[in-house]
Amino acid sequence: MSSNGQFIQQVRADLLLAIERDAVSLPTLPEVALEIRSAASDPDVDISVLAAIIEHDSSIAARLIRVANSSLLRGLDPTYDVKGAISRIGLSYTSTMVTTLAMQQIFLSSADALNKRMRAMWVHSADVAAICHTLACGQRHLKPELATLAGVIHQIGALPILSYALDRAELRADAGLLDQLLVALTPEMGRFILASWEFPEELVMVPQAHLDFSRHVERADYADLVTVANLHNYLGSNHPFAQVEWAGVSAFERLGLPVNPGEMDDSYYQQIEQMQELLRA
């Protein structure tokens, strides 16, 4: 094992021990997401209860109304309040979308050294989420709102690693080594975090499963959407994924998608752009 490999394994062990001892804080779901998830779990919950919770966060409330009024959901008449938005998009979509929109709060840091990286990570995650939402609209068994959440959380495991790096001079001084660390440990940490949030297994598996390009499963899932969305998003960049031959990625076949980016029509890109605007607002 190389010296960098040994260092990465040592950091992994340190992180797991620090998490066990509460010496490194794992990201926690924003309060509005926790409250809305708890309330929405009651099948008899009144819409006004959900609306009151969401309205405590004026930014989330405004963005949810924008989602409900977007052409993506094809509402005939505009809605101007949270209750109207919930009525239009439904309880399940509302709960998931509030969690998705609230995730932006997690990708912030008071430390300048982290904030730039975390902001870039949020932009990438939001772009992947927008692609996931668009792709899911063509899959009867996959929900666009869950697909969006899958895209947003696929790199959530990077956050405790960045917090850990903040106090280590060797990582602050060596961006390349930190990048290696993130590539190696983000998937495992992501699964750990999502399990601690009690997310469903179909989302918990996403941080690791979306990186397995030769994965074989019976039916397309949310990890497949994130796999394809990542490859779409990295096109034309210097990222190693930009060099991946799509024909060799099993997710494309399961989703019934073309392996040539030129075969996607204009409406596909328009839908992505609309969703990007909603998520980045």
Foldseek 3Di string as FASTA:
>chain_A
DDPLVVVLVVVVVVLVVCVVVVVFDADDQDPLLVVLVVQLVPVPRDLVVNQVSQVVPVVLFVLLQVVQQDCVLPDPDRDDGSSVSCVSPHSVLSSLVSSLLRLLVRLADPDPLRNVVSVVLQLQLLLLLLLQLLLCVLPPVAHSSVLSSLSRLLQSQCVSLSVVLVPPPVCSVDVPSSVVSSVPGRLVSSLVSCVVNVDDPLSSNQNPLLVPQQDDDDAAGSNLSSVVSSLVSCQPHPDPSNVDQQVSGVSCVRSVHDSDVVPDDPVSVVSSVSSSVSNVD
